[in-house]
Amino acid sequence: MNTNQKIYVDDLSKEEATQTLKRVELVEMIKNFDKIAYSGVNFANVSYFTHEYGSRQVQGKKVLQKYVTTRITIGSEYKKKIQKLLDKQKMDITFVPEKMKGKFYPYGTHIPIVASERQPDFEMLVLNVEHHVVPSTIYFKDGNVIAYEEAVKQDLFMPSYFTEKNTIGQGLVDADADFFFLTLGFDKIVKFRLNGVLYKIVD
């Protein structure tokens, strides 16, 4: 694949799910990731609803929320992926990742799930979004859709939101190989496509 070619992800909310899956069942499915992955990693699509991390706050609450649909990679161990990229860049470095703050892998790093140290029963999906993937993002303010341009005009983003970030791997990875490393609470997932099946996630 030409990594300079952008992949635009369609909003899964426009597509009818073929199956309904309970949230606990999704967690169990990912716990058994080694049985569902074709080659150690899997591509998937996810739709989720969450607060916008870069949003300003009013009375301690984020002003903006967002509904995001994106293509993801799951099962790619962070340290191994970074090391492979650095080796490809011919950098004689043994990559040592920073300790993940407030989270831990309850089932081993080969299973793409982390849990909160403060609340161990709160589990999150570990995923990567490659730099050439362009998610579908719909912003909300006070429960109503707001265009990104209007949110910028209303100064609803923190200045840090617009600050250029270092590439992954403490800035060591080349820009054309960059990716986003995320942990996503299973409670935020609305739809999930894996191995060609689109699931609607319910409680």
C-alpha atoms as a PDB file:
ATOM      1  CA  MET A   1       0.000   0.000   0.000  1.00  0.00           C
ATOM      2  CA  ASN A   2       1.137   3.516  -0.751  1.00  0.00           C
ATOM      3  CA  THR A   3       1.213   5.027   2.737  1.00  0.00           C
ATOM      4  CA  ASN A   4       0.884   8.516   1.281  1.00  0.00           C
ATOM      5  CA  GLN A   5      -2.560   7.616  -0.057  1.00  0.00           C
ATOM      6  CA  LYS A   6      -5.272   8.709   2.342  1.00  0.00           C
ATOM      7  CA  ILE A   7      -7.978   6.244   3.359  1.00  0.00           C
ATOM      8  CA  TYR A   8     -11.238   8.025   4.158  1.00  0.00           C
ATOM      9  CA  VAL A   9     -13.480   6.085   6.513  1.00  0.00           C
ATOM     10  CA  ASP A  10     -17.251   6.218   6.046  1.00  0.00           C
ATOM     11  CA  ASP A  11     -19.523   6.747   9.031  1.00  0.00           C
ATOM     12  CA  LEU A  12     -20.716   3.287  10.134  1.00  0.00           C
ATOM     13  CA  SER A  13     -23.902   4.818  11.570  1.00  0.00           C
ATOM     14  CA  LYS A  14     -25.209   4.922   7.991  1.00  0.00           C
ATOM     15  CA  GLU A  15     -24.733   1.182   7.643  1.00  0.00           C
ATOM     16  CA  GLU A  16     -27.034  -1.416   9.157  1.00  0.00           C
ATOM     17  CA  ALA A  17     -25.313  -3.813  11.535  1.00  0.00           C
ATOM     18  CA  THR A  18     -25.686  -7.472  10.607  1.00  0.00           C
ATOM     19  CA  GLN A  19     -25.438  -8.711  14.193  1.00  0.00           C
ATOM     20  CA  THR A  20     -25.992  -7.446  17.732  1.00  0.00           C
ATOM     21  CA  LEU A  21     -23.246  -8.087  20.249  1.00  0.00           C
ATOM     22  CA  LYS A  22     -23.311  -7.436  23.977  1.00  0.00           C
ATOM     23  CA  ARG A  23     -20.475  -5.316  25.284  1.00  0.00           C
ATOM     24  CA  VAL A  24     -19.270  -8.115  27.555  1.00  0.00           C
ATOM     25  CA  GLU A  25     -19.253 -10.426  24.537  1.00  0.00           C
ATOM     26  CA  LEU A  26     -17.067  -7.982  22.617  1.00  0.00           C
ATOM     27  CA  VAL A  27     -14.619  -7.931  25.516  1.00  0.00           C
ATOM     28  CA  GLU A  28     -14.543 -11.733  25.574  1.00  0.00           C
ATOM     29  CA  MET A  29     -13.992 -11.802  21.813  1.00  0.00           C
ATOM     30  CA  ILE A  30     -10.960  -9.540  22.146  1.00  0.00           C
ATOM     31  CA  LYS A  31      -9.668 -11.560  25.114  1.00  0.00           C
ATOM     32  CA  ASN A  32      -9.511 -14.492  22.692  1.00  0.00           C
ATOM     33  CA  PHE A  33      -7.781 -12.366  20.085  1.00  0.00           C
ATOM     34  CA  ASP A  34      -5.251 -15.053  19.222  1.00  0.00           C
ATOM     35  CA  LYS A  35      -8.156 -17.209  17.970  1.00  0.00           C
ATOM     36  CA  ILE A  36      -9.696 -14.554  15.718  1.00  0.00           C
ATOM     37  CA  ALA A  37      -6.587 -12.849  14.327  1.00  0.00           C
ATOM     38  CA  TYR A  38      -5.501 -14.020  10.891  1.00  0.00           C
ATOM     39  CA  SER A  39      -1.831 -13.110  11.182  1.00  0.00           C
ATOM     40  CA  GLY A  40      -1.172 -11.772  14.668  1.00  0.00           C
ATOM     41  CA  VAL A  41      -2.841  -8.460  13.837  1.00  0.00           C
ATOM     42  CA  ASN A  42      -6.286  -7.608  12.523  1.00  0.00           C
ATOM     43  CA  PHE A  43      -7.781  -4.660  10.723  1.00  0.00           C
ATOM     44  CA  ALA A  44     -11.153  -3.534  12.025  1.00  0.00           C
ATOM     45  CA  ASN A  45     -13.512  -0.571  11.945  1.00  0.00           C
ATOM     46  CA  VAL A  46     -14.955   1.031  15.040  1.00  0.00           C
ATOM     47  CA  SER A  47     -17.521   3.738  15.755  1.00  0.00           C
ATOM     48  CA  TYR A  48     -17.411   5.311  19.202  1.00  0.00           C
ATOM     49  CA  PHE A  49     -18.781   8.278  21.136  1.00  0.00           C
ATOM     50  CA  THR A  50     -16.575  10.162  23.580  1.00  0.00           C
ATOM     51  CA  HIS A  51     -15.496  13.556  24.869  1.00  0.00           C
ATOM     52  CA  GLU A  52     -13.153  15.542  22.657  1.00  0.00           C
ATOM     53  CA  TYR A  53      -9.819  15.401  24.476  1.00  0.00           C
ATOM     54  CA  GLY A  54      -8.757  18.798  23.121  1.00  0.00           C
ATOM     55  CA  SER A  55     -11.991  20.555  24.083  1.00  0.00           C
ATOM     56  CA  ARG A  56     -12.242  23.454  26.471  1.00  0.00           C
ATOM     57  CA  GLN A  57     -14.071  22.804  29.726  1.00  0.00           C
ATOM     58  CA  VAL A  58     -16.925  24.553  31.481  1.00  0.00           C
ATOM     59  CA  GLN A  59     -17.428  23.729  35.151  1.00  0.00           C
ATOM     60  CA  GLY A  60     -15.057  20.788  34.811  1.00  0.00           C
ATOM     61  CA  LYS A  61     -16.860  19.241  31.839  1.00  0.00           C
ATOM     62  CA  LYS A  62     -15.712  19.037  28.225  1.00  0.00           C
ATOM     63  CA  VAL A  63     -17.719  21.329  25.964  1.00  0.00           C
ATOM     64  CA  LEU A  64     -17.306  19.113  22.894  1.00  0.00           C
ATOM     65  CA  GLN A  65     -18.113  15.459  22.333  1.00  0.00           C
ATOM     66  CA  LYS A  66     -17.493  13.501  19.163  1.00  0.00           C
ATOM     67  CA  TYR A  67     -18.752  10.479  17.268  1.00  0.00           C
ATOM     68  CA  VAL A  68     -15.833   8.902  15.435  1.00  0.00           C
ATOM     69  CA  THR A  69     -15.598   6.094  12.923  1.00  0.00           C
ATOM     70  CA  THR A  70     -12.154   4.911  11.941  1.00  0.00           C
ATOM     71  CA  ARG A  71     -10.185   2.012  10.556  1.00  0.00           C
ATOM     72  CA  ILE A  72      -7.942   0.506  13.204  1.00  0.00           C
ATOM     73  CA  THR A  73      -5.245  -2.096  13.666  1.00  0.00           C
ATOM     74  CA  ILE A  74      -5.444  -4.295  16.747  1.00  0.00           C
ATOM     75  CA  GLY A  75      -2.953  -6.839  18.025  1.00  0.00           C
ATOM     76  CA  SER A  76       0.179  -4.931  17.014  1.00  0.00           C
ATOM     77  CA  GLU A  77       2.349  -4.736  20.130  1.00  0.00           C
ATOM     78  CA  TYR A  78       3.537  -1.162  20.578  1.00  0.00           C
ATOM     79  CA  LYS A  79       7.176  -1.844  21.474  1.00  0.00           C
ATOM     80  CA  LYS A  80       7.658  -4.420  18.704  1.00  0.00           C
ATOM     81  CA  LYS A  81       6.012  -2.184  16.098  1.00  0.00           C
ATOM     82  CA  ILE A  82       8.219   0.803  16.991  1.00  0.00           C
ATOM     83  CA  GLN A  83      11.348  -1.354  16.991  1.00  0.00           C
ATOM     84  CA  LYS A  84      10.475  -2.766  13.578  1.00  0.00           C
ATOM     85  CA  LEU A  85      10.026   0.754  12.178  1.00  0.00           C
ATOM     86  CA  LEU A  86      13.313   1.945  13.670  1.00  0.00           C
ATOM     87  CA  ASP A  87      15.124  -1.067  12.230  1.00  0.00           C
ATOM     88  CA  LYS A  88      13.604  -0.261   8.847  1.00  0.00           C
ATOM     89  CA  GLN A  89      14.910   3.290   9.224  1.00  0.00           C
ATOM     90  CA  LYS A  90      18.348   1.733   9.889  1.00  0.00           C
ATOM     91  CA  MET A  91      18.540   3.301  13.332  1.00  0.00           C
ATOM     92  CA  ASP A  92      20.805   1.400  15.714  1.00  0.00           C
ATOM     93  CA  ILE A  93      18.500   1.893  18.693  1.00  0.00           C
ATOM     94  CA  THR A  94      16.879  -0.500  21.111  1.00  0.00           C
ATOM     95  CA  PHE A  95      13.570   1.150  21.778  1.00  0.00           C
ATOM     96  CA  VAL A  96      12.443   1.355  25.407  1.00  0.00           C
ATOM     97  CA  PRO A  97       8.882   2.681  25.712  1.00  0.00           C
ATOM     98  CA  GLU A  98       7.776   4.899  28.541  1.00  0.00           C
ATOM     99  CA  LYS A  99       5.665   3.167  31.158  1.00  0.00           C
ATOM    100  CA  MET A 100       1.967   3.440  30.438  1.00  0.00           C
ATOM    101  CA  LYS A 101       0.541   5.737  33.087  1.00  0.00           C
ATOM    102  CA  GLY A 102      -2.388   4.449  35.097  1.00  0.00           C
ATOM    103  CA  LYS A 103      -2.971   1.397  32.908  1.00  0.00           C
ATOM    104  CA  PHE A 104      -1.740  -2.189  32.681  1.00  0.00           C
ATOM    105  CA  TYR A 105      -2.155  -5.260  30.464  1.00  0.00           C
ATOM    106  CA  PRO A 106      -4.233  -7.758  32.513  1.00  0.00           C
ATOM    107  CA  TYR A 107      -3.889 -10.604  29.988  1.00  0.00           C
ATOM    108  CA  GLY A 108      -0.391  -9.979  28.622  1.00  0.00           C
ATOM    109  CA  THR A 109       0.783  -7.567  25.937  1.00  0.00           C
ATOM    110  CA  HIS A 110      -0.263  -9.989  23.165  1.00  0.00           C
ATOM    111  CA  ILE A 111      -3.933  -9.350  24.033  1.00  0.00           C
ATOM    112  CA  PRO A 112      -5.007  -5.809  22.995  1.00  0.00           C
ATOM    113  CA  ILE A 113      -6.732  -4.914  26.253  1.00  0.00           C
ATOM    114  CA  VAL A 114      -5.561  -2.661  29.076  1.00  0.00           C
ATOM    115  CA  ALA A 115      -7.245  -1.939  32.397  1.00  0.00           C
ATOM    116  CA  SER A 116      -7.230   1.037  34.729  1.00  0.00           C
ATOM    117  CA  GLU A 117      -4.949   0.686  37.747  1.00  0.00           C
ATOM    118  CA  ARG A 118      -7.465   2.594  39.858  1.00  0.00           C
ATOM    119  CA  GLN A 119     -10.452   0.653  38.549  1.00  0.00           C
ATOM    120  CA  PRO A 120      -9.206  -2.721  37.247  1.00  0.00           C
ATOM    121  CA  ASP A 121     -12.639  -3.789  36.001  1.00  0.00           C
ATOM    122  CA  PHE A 122     -12.656  -0.827  33.581  1.00  0.00           C
ATOM    123  CA  GLU A 123     -11.083  -2.256  30.445  1.00  0.00           C
ATOM    124  CA  MET A 124     -10.046  -0.570  27.214  1.00  0.00           C
ATOM    125  CA  LEU A 125      -9.284  -1.727  23.708  1.00  0.00           C
ATOM    126  CA  VAL A 126      -5.700  -1.079  22.554  1.00  0.00           C
ATOM    127  CA  LEU A 127      -5.532   0.056  18.951  1.00  0.00           C
ATOM    128  CA  ASN A 128      -3.487   1.868  16.343  1.00  0.00           C
ATOM    129  CA  VAL A 129      -4.728   4.291  13.696  1.00  0.00           C
ATOM    130  CA  GLU A 130      -2.281   4.579  10.821  1.00  0.00           C
ATOM    131  CA  HIS A 131      -1.362   8.123   9.762  1.00  0.00           C
ATOM    132  CA  HIS A 132      -2.914   7.758   6.294  1.00  0.00           C
ATOM    133  CA  VAL A 133      -6.335   6.881   7.708  1.00  0.00           C
ATOM    134  CA  VAL A 134      -8.783   9.808   7.851  1.00  0.00           C
ATOM    135  CA  PRO A 135     -11.557   9.087  10.377  1.00  0.00           C
ATOM    136  CA  SER A 136     -15.121  10.307  10.040  1.00  0.00           C
ATOM    137  CA  THR A 137     -15.687  12.690  12.969  1.00  0.00           C
ATOM    138  CA  ILE A 138     -18.944  14.389  13.966  1.00  0.00           C
ATOM    139  CA  TYR A 139     -18.718  16.962  16.763  1.00  0.00           C
ATOM    140  CA  PHE A 140     -21.450  17.725  19.294  1.00  0.00           C
ATOM    141  CA  LYS A 141     -22.050  20.681  21.614  1.00  0.00           C
ATOM    142  CA  ASP A 142     -24.913  20.530  24.111  1.00  0.00           C
ATOM    143  CA  GLY A 143     -26.208  17.427  22.342  1.00  0.00           C
ATOM    144  CA  ASN A 144     -26.381  19.109  18.935  1.00  0.00           C
ATOM    145  CA  VAL A 145     -24.140  18.590  15.924  1.00  0.00           C
ATOM    146  CA  ILE A 146     -21.639  21.397  15.381  1.00  0.00           C
ATOM    147  CA  ALA A 147     -19.333  21.745  12.385  1.00  0.00           C
ATOM    148  CA  TYR A 148     -15.619  21.622  13.106  1.00  0.00           C
ATOM    149  CA  GLU A 149     -15.163  25.066  11.546  1.00  0.00           C
ATOM    150  CA  GLU A 150     -17.875  26.503  13.775  1.00  0.00           C
ATOM    151  CA  ALA A 151     -16.304  24.890  16.861  1.00  0.00           C
ATOM    152  CA  VAL A 152     -12.990  26.539  15.945  1.00  0.00           C
ATOM    153  CA  LYS A 153     -14.752  29.867  15.372  1.00  0.00           C
ATOM    154  CA  GLN A 154     -16.361  29.608  18.820  1.00  0.00           C
ATOM    155  CA  ASP A 155     -12.930  28.881  20.346  1.00  0.00           C
ATOM    156  CA  LEU A 156     -14.071  25.542  21.760  1.00  0.00           C
ATOM    157  CA  PHE A 157     -10.665  23.833  21.396  1.00  0.00           C
ATOM    158  CA  MET A 158      -7.729  24.305  23.741  1.00  0.00           C
ATOM    159  CA  PRO A 159      -4.674  25.957  22.119  1.00  0.00           C
ATOM    160  CA  SER A 160      -2.727  22.724  22.731  1.00  0.00           C
ATOM    161  CA  TYR A 161      -5.097  20.950  20.335  1.00  0.00           C
ATOM    162  CA  PHE A 162      -3.436  22.792  17.441  1.00  0.00           C
ATOM    163  CA  THR A 163       0.139  22.284  18.630  1.00  0.00           C
ATOM    164  CA  GLU A 164       2.197  20.104  16.302  1.00  0.00           C
ATOM    165  CA  LYS A 165       2.937  16.802  17.986  1.00  0.00           C
ATOM    166  CA  ASN A 166       6.046  14.647  17.808  1.00  0.00           C
ATOM    167  CA  THR A 167       5.775  11.432  15.875  1.00  0.00           C
ATOM    168  CA  ILE A 168       5.198   8.171  17.718  1.00  0.00           C
ATOM    169  CA  GLY A 169       8.060   6.454  19.524  1.00  0.00           C
ATOM    170  CA  GLN A 170       9.220   9.585  21.346  1.00  0.00           C
ATOM    171  CA  GLY A 171       9.630  11.361  18.021  1.00  0.00           C
ATOM    172  CA  LEU A 172      11.952   8.721  16.532  1.00  0.00           C
ATOM    173  CA  VAL A 173       9.612   7.330  13.879  1.00  0.00           C
ATOM    174  CA  ASP A 174       9.616   9.013  10.464  1.00  0.00           C
ATOM    175  CA  ALA A 175       6.523  11.053   9.629  1.00  0.00           C
ATOM    176  CA  ASP A 176       5.518   8.810   6.721  1.00  0.00           C
ATOM    177  CA  ALA A 177       5.399   5.808   9.074  1.00  0.00           C
ATOM    178  CA  ASP A 178       3.710   7.596  11.973  1.00  0.00           C
ATOM    179  CA  PHE A 179       0.594   6.224  13.669  1.00  0.00           C
ATOM    180  CA  PHE A 180      -1.691   6.996  16.577  1.00  0.00           C
ATOM    181  CA  PHE A 181      -1.655   4.696  19.599  1.00  0.00           C
ATOM    182  CA  LEU A 182      -4.953   4.798  21.489  1.00  0.00           C
ATOM    183  CA  THR A 183      -6.785   3.063  24.303  1.00  0.00           C
ATOM    184  CA  LEU A 184     -10.559   3.137  23.942  1.00  0.00           C
ATOM    185  CA  GLY A 185     -12.990   2.241  26.706  1.00  0.00           C
ATOM    186  CA  PHE A 186     -15.280  -0.587  25.663  1.00  0.00           C
ATOM    187  CA  ASP A 187     -18.128   1.474  27.150  1.00  0.00           C
ATOM    188  CA  LYS A 188     -17.703   4.048  24.352  1.00  0.00           C
ATOM    189  CA  ILE A 189     -17.961   1.629  21.419  1.00  0.00           C
ATOM    190  CA  VAL A 190     -21.173   1.864  19.347  1.00  0.00           C
ATOM    191  CA  LYS A 191     -20.357  -0.319  16.328  1.00  0.00           C
ATOM    192  CA  PHE A 192     -17.497  -2.669  15.552  1.00  0.00           C
ATOM    193  CA  ARG A 193     -16.573  -4.426  12.320  1.00  0.00           C
ATOM    194  CA  LEU A 194     -14.241  -7.406  12.550  1.00  0.00           C
ATOM    195  CA  ASN A 195     -13.520 -10.065   9.930  1.00  0.00           C
ATOM    196  CA  GLY A 196     -16.211  -8.636   7.668  1.00  0.00           C
ATOM    197  CA  VAL A 197     -19.019  -8.664  10.245  1.00  0.00           C
ATOM    198  CA  LEU A 198     -20.499  -5.374  11.466  1.00  0.00           C
ATOM    199  CA  TYR A 199     -21.749  -5.588  15.049  1.00  0.00           C
ATOM    200  CA  LYS A 200     -24.023  -3.195  16.914  1.00  0.00           C
ATOM    201  CA  ILE A 201     -22.754  -3.103  20.490  1.00  0.00           C
ATOM    202  CA  VAL A 202     -25.373  -3.113  23.248  1.00  0.00           C
ATOM    203  CA  ASP A 203     -25.312  -3.318  27.037  1.00  0.00           C
END
